[in-house]
C-alpha atoms as a PDB file:
ATOM      1  CA  UNK A   1       2.553-127.181 -99.274  1.00  0.00           C
ATOM      2  CA  UNK A   2       5.438-125.051 -98.119  1.00  0.00           C
ATOM      3  CA  UNK A   3       5.172-121.280 -98.370  1.00  0.00           C
ATOM      4  CA  UNK A   4       8.358-119.959 -99.870  1.00  0.00           C
ATOM      5  CA  UNK A   5       9.111-116.494-101.109  1.00  0.00           C
ATOM      6  CA  UNK A   6      10.817-116.004-104.404  1.00  0.00           C
ATOM      7  CA  UNK A   7      14.122-114.263-104.004  1.00  0.00           C
ATOM      8  CA  UNK A   8      14.151-111.219-106.239  1.00  0.00           C
ATOM      9  CA  UNK A   9      17.291-110.258-108.038  1.00  0.00           C
ATOM     10  CA  UNK A  10      18.422-106.660-107.605  1.00  0.00           C
ATOM     11  CA  UNK A  11      17.290-104.407-110.425  1.00  0.00           C
ATOM     12  CA  UNK A  12      20.002-102.448-112.196  1.00  0.00           C
ATOM     13  CA  UNK A  13      19.990 -98.654-112.371  1.00  0.00           C
ATOM     14  CA  UNK A  14      19.675 -98.908-116.151  1.00  0.00           C
ATOM     15  CA  UNK A  15      16.455-100.917-115.872  1.00  0.00           C
ATOM     16  CA  UNK A  16      15.004 -98.455-113.349  1.00  0.00           C
ATOM     17  CA  UNK A  17      15.965 -95.521-115.600  1.00  0.00           C
ATOM     18  CA  UNK A  18      14.345 -97.214-118.595  1.00  0.00           C
ATOM     19  CA  UNK A  19      11.116 -97.776-116.631  1.00  0.00           C
ATOM     20  CA  UNK A  20      11.113 -94.147-115.487  1.00  0.00           C
ATOM     21  CA  UNK A  21      11.675 -92.964-119.065  1.00  0.00           C
ATOM     22  CA  UNK A  22       8.631 -94.996-120.061  1.00  0.00           C
ATOM     23  CA  UNK A  23       6.591 -93.129-117.435  1.00  0.00           C
ATOM     24  CA  UNK A  24       6.216 -96.073-115.075  1.00  0.00           C
ATOM     25  CA  UNK A  25       6.208 -95.695-111.293  1.00  0.00           C
ATOM     26  CA  UNK A  26       9.657 -96.635-109.955  1.00  0.00           C
ATOM     27  CA  UNK A  27       9.092 -95.625-106.319  1.00  0.00           C
ATOM     28  CA  UNK A  28       9.051 -99.285-105.224  1.00  0.00           C
ATOM     29  CA  UNK A  29      12.785 -99.463-105.949  1.00  0.00           C
ATOM     30  CA  UNK A  30      13.635 -96.762-103.412  1.00  0.00           C
ATOM     31  CA  UNK A  31      13.567 -97.110 -99.633  1.00  0.00           C
ATOM     32  CA  UNK A  32      14.205 -93.439 -98.705  1.00  0.00           C
ATOM     33  CA  UNK A  33      16.714 -94.652 -96.116  1.00  0.00           C
ATOM     34  CA  UNK A  34      19.718 -92.973 -97.728  1.00  0.00           C
ATOM     35  CA  UNK A  35      20.743 -89.345 -97.722  1.00  0.00           C
ATOM     36  CA  UNK A  36      21.586 -86.820-100.381  1.00  0.00           C
ATOM     37  CA  UNK A  37      25.203 -86.039-101.037  1.00  0.00           C
ATOM     38  CA  UNK A  38      26.254 -82.456-101.524  1.00  0.00           C
ATOM     39  CA  UNK A  39      28.249 -81.441-104.564  1.00  0.00           C
ATOM     40  CA  UNK A  40      31.883 -82.545-104.577  1.00  0.00           C
ATOM     41  CA  UNK A  41      34.560 -79.922-104.962  1.00  0.00           C
ATOM     42  CA  UNK A  42      38.065 -80.704-106.110  1.00  0.00           C
ATOM     43  CA  UNK A  43      40.950 -79.213-104.114  1.00  0.00           C
ATOM     44  CA  UNK A  44      44.697 -79.223-104.564  1.00  0.00           C
ATOM     45  CA  UNK A  45      46.993 -79.776-101.605  1.00  0.00           C
ATOM     46  CA  UNK A  46      50.779 -79.484-101.621  1.00  0.00           C
ATOM     47  CA  UNK A  47      52.427 -82.204 -99.510  1.00  0.00           C
ATOM     48  CA  UNK A  48      56.033 -82.910 -98.638  1.00  0.00           C
ATOM     49  CA  UNK A  49      57.366 -86.076-100.242  1.00  0.00           C
ATOM     50  CA  UNK A  50      57.773 -87.750 -96.833  1.00  0.00           C
ATOM     51  CA  UNK A  51      54.136 -87.186 -95.951  1.00  0.00           C
ATOM     52  CA  UNK A  52      53.075 -88.487 -99.356  1.00  0.00           C
ATOM     53  CA  UNK A  53      55.125 -91.640 -98.807  1.00  0.00           C
ATOM     54  CA  UNK A  54      53.443 -92.121 -95.406  1.00  0.00           C
ATOM     55  CA  UNK A  55      50.020 -91.749 -97.000  1.00  0.00           C
ATOM     56  CA  UNK A  56      50.913 -94.238 -99.717  1.00  0.00           C
ATOM     57  CA  UNK A  57      52.137 -96.754 -97.126  1.00  0.00           C
ATOM     58  CA  UNK A  58      48.937 -96.352 -95.115  1.00  0.00           C
ATOM     59  CA  UNK A  59      46.844 -96.776 -98.274  1.00  0.00           C
ATOM     60  CA  UNK A  60      48.724 -99.928 -99.212  1.00  0.00           C
ATOM     61  CA  UNK A  61      48.353-101.409 -95.709  1.00  0.00           C
ATOM     62  CA  UNK A  62      44.628-100.664 -95.686  1.00  0.00           C
ATOM     63  CA  UNK A  63      44.178-101.690 -99.312  1.00  0.00           C
ATOM     64  CA  UNK A  64      42.397 -98.438-100.147  1.00  0.00           C
ATOM     65  CA  UNK A  65      43.230 -95.443-102.296  1.00  0.00           C
ATOM     66  CA  UNK A  66      45.385 -92.547-101.193  1.00  0.00           C
ATOM     67  CA  UNK A  67      42.350 -90.308-101.546  1.00  0.00           C
ATOM     68  CA  UNK A  68      40.336 -92.539 -99.188  1.00  0.00           C
ATOM     69  CA  UNK A  69      43.122 -92.340 -96.596  1.00  0.00           C
ATOM     70  CA  UNK A  70      43.218 -88.541 -96.844  1.00  0.00           C
ATOM     71  CA  UNK A  71      39.437 -88.220 -96.536  1.00  0.00           C
ATOM     72  CA  UNK A  72      39.333 -90.585 -93.574  1.00  0.00           C
ATOM     73  CA  UNK A  73      42.101 -88.790 -91.714  1.00  0.00           C
ATOM     74  CA  UNK A  74      40.547 -85.377 -92.365  1.00  0.00           C
ATOM     75  CA  UNK A  75      37.153 -86.618 -91.138  1.00  0.00           C
ATOM     76  CA  UNK A  76      38.737 -88.025 -87.955  1.00  0.00           C
ATOM     77  CA  UNK A  77      40.626 -84.789 -87.291  1.00  0.00           C
ATOM     78  CA  UNK A  78      37.510 -82.650 -87.787  1.00  0.00           C
ATOM     79  CA  UNK A  79      35.475 -84.924 -85.521  1.00  0.00           C
ATOM     80  CA  UNK A  80      38.180 -84.757 -82.826  1.00  0.00           C
ATOM     81  CA  UNK A  81      38.239 -80.966 -83.053  1.00  0.00           C
ATOM     82  CA  UNK A  82      34.476 -80.782 -82.821  1.00  0.00           C
ATOM     83  CA  UNK A  83      34.345 -83.125 -79.816  1.00  0.00           C
ATOM     84  CA  UNK A  84      37.168 -81.232 -78.100  1.00  0.00           C
ATOM     85  CA  UNK A  85      34.990 -78.134 -78.269  1.00  0.00           C
ATOM     86  CA  UNK A  86      32.267 -79.993 -76.362  1.00  0.00           C
ATOM     87  CA  UNK A  87      29.987 -80.879 -79.262  1.00  0.00           C
ATOM     88  CA  UNK A  88      28.719 -84.104 -80.657  1.00  0.00           C
ATOM     89  CA  UNK A  89      29.088 -85.148 -84.260  1.00  0.00           C
ATOM     90  CA  UNK A  90      25.836 -84.288 -85.985  1.00  0.00           C
ATOM     91  CA  UNK A  91      24.249 -86.483 -88.654  1.00  0.00           C
ATOM     92  CA  UNK A  92      24.292 -83.546 -91.069  1.00  0.00           C
ATOM     93  CA  UNK A  93      28.066 -83.155 -90.693  1.00  0.00           C
ATOM     94  CA  UNK A  94      28.595 -86.894 -91.208  1.00  0.00           C
ATOM     95  CA  UNK A  95      26.424 -87.090 -94.310  1.00  0.00           C
ATOM     96  CA  UNK A  96      28.195 -84.115 -95.916  1.00  0.00           C
ATOM     97  CA  UNK A  97      31.571 -85.749 -95.436  1.00  0.00           C
ATOM     98  CA  UNK A  98      30.910 -89.022 -97.176  1.00  0.00           C
END
């Protein structure tokens, strides 16, 4: 007889929350391979209309949001600045930027 493993369907966050509310151990659902995100702060930035149009074009070409383009470009610029100063990008800096 062939040994086959049953493929388990992913468990939704709602199901995990319900189990936790019932006092059941839910640690088996977590791998501890992720990292904690810091709090997100909203900022306002004034941009010239030409720059905004460029960002919108880039977002459309990449099929991502304008916000994602801005975050990506800022992350790249900060990494370049850090590397230019002779450092390496640390894992802590990367995880705080996501």
